[in-house]
C-alpha atoms as a PDB file:
ATOM      1  CA  UNK A   1      15.897 137.092  46.581  1.00  0.00           C
ATOM      2  CA  UNK A   2      19.276 138.262  47.856  1.00  0.00           C
ATOM      3  CA  UNK A   3      18.312 138.673  51.492  1.00  0.00           C
ATOM      4  CA  UNK A   4      20.104 135.550  52.696  1.00  0.00           C
ATOM      5  CA  UNK A   5      23.167 136.370  50.648  1.00  0.00           C
ATOM      6  CA  UNK A   6      23.333 139.866  52.109  1.00  0.00           C
ATOM      7  CA  UNK A   7      23.241 138.541  55.660  1.00  0.00           C
ATOM      8  CA  UNK A   8      25.867 135.955  54.770  1.00  0.00           C
ATOM      9  CA  UNK A   9      28.116 138.653  53.338  1.00  0.00           C
ATOM     10  CA  UNK A  10      27.772 140.676  56.531  1.00  0.00           C
ATOM     11  CA  UNK A  11      28.600 137.664  58.721  1.00  0.00           C
ATOM     12  CA  UNK A  12      31.567 136.784  56.519  1.00  0.00           C
ATOM     13  CA  UNK A  13      32.879 140.345  56.720  1.00  0.00           C
ATOM     14  CA  UNK A  14      32.448 140.350  60.487  1.00  0.00           C
ATOM     15  CA  UNK A  15      34.169 136.977  60.813  1.00  0.00           C
ATOM     16  CA  UNK A  16      37.139 138.065  58.704  1.00  0.00           C
ATOM     17  CA  UNK A  17      37.421 141.240  60.774  1.00  0.00           C
ATOM     18  CA  UNK A  18      37.271 139.276  64.021  1.00  0.00           C
ATOM     19  CA  UNK A  19      39.751 136.591  62.981  1.00  0.00           C
ATOM     20  CA  UNK A  20      42.920 138.730  63.144  1.00  0.00           C
ATOM     21  CA  UNK A  21      41.815 140.454  66.378  1.00  0.00           C
ATOM     22  CA  UNK A  22      40.217 137.482  68.113  1.00  0.00           C
ATOM     23  CA  UNK A  23      41.994 136.219  71.241  1.00  0.00           C
ATOM     24  CA  UNK A  24      40.121 132.934  70.966  1.00  0.00           C
ATOM     25  CA  UNK A  25      41.857 130.102  69.055  1.00  0.00           C
ATOM     26  CA  UNK A  26      38.469 128.371  68.625  1.00  0.00           C
ATOM     27  CA  UNK A  27      37.214 131.221  66.412  1.00  0.00           C
ATOM     28  CA  UNK A  28      39.638 130.350  63.610  1.00  0.00           C
ATOM     29  CA  UNK A  29      42.564 128.006  62.922  1.00  0.00           C
ATOM     30  CA  UNK A  30      44.638 130.964  61.661  1.00  0.00           C
ATOM     31  CA  UNK A  31      45.713 132.035  65.165  1.00  0.00           C
ATOM     32  CA  UNK A  32      49.152 130.437  65.704  1.00  0.00           C
ATOM     33  CA  UNK A  33      50.202 133.303  68.005  1.00  0.00           C
ATOM     34  CA  UNK A  34      47.421 132.554  70.483  1.00  0.00           C
ATOM     35  CA  UNK A  35      48.503 132.926  74.131  1.00  0.00           C
ATOM     36  CA  UNK A  36      46.181 130.057  75.031  1.00  0.00           C
ATOM     37  CA  UNK A  37      47.130 126.633  73.584  1.00  0.00           C
ATOM     38  CA  UNK A  38      44.324 124.392  72.351  1.00  0.00           C
ATOM     39  CA  UNK A  39      43.760 121.478  74.771  1.00  0.00           C
END
């Protein structure tokens, strides 16, 4: 019943944790201090 929701919660948590430490600007639009400008 809540299997899909659980997996979604895990992915969301992982994404949020990877956003602030991700060196890739394509992962999230909240990376204005990215050393690599978007083409």
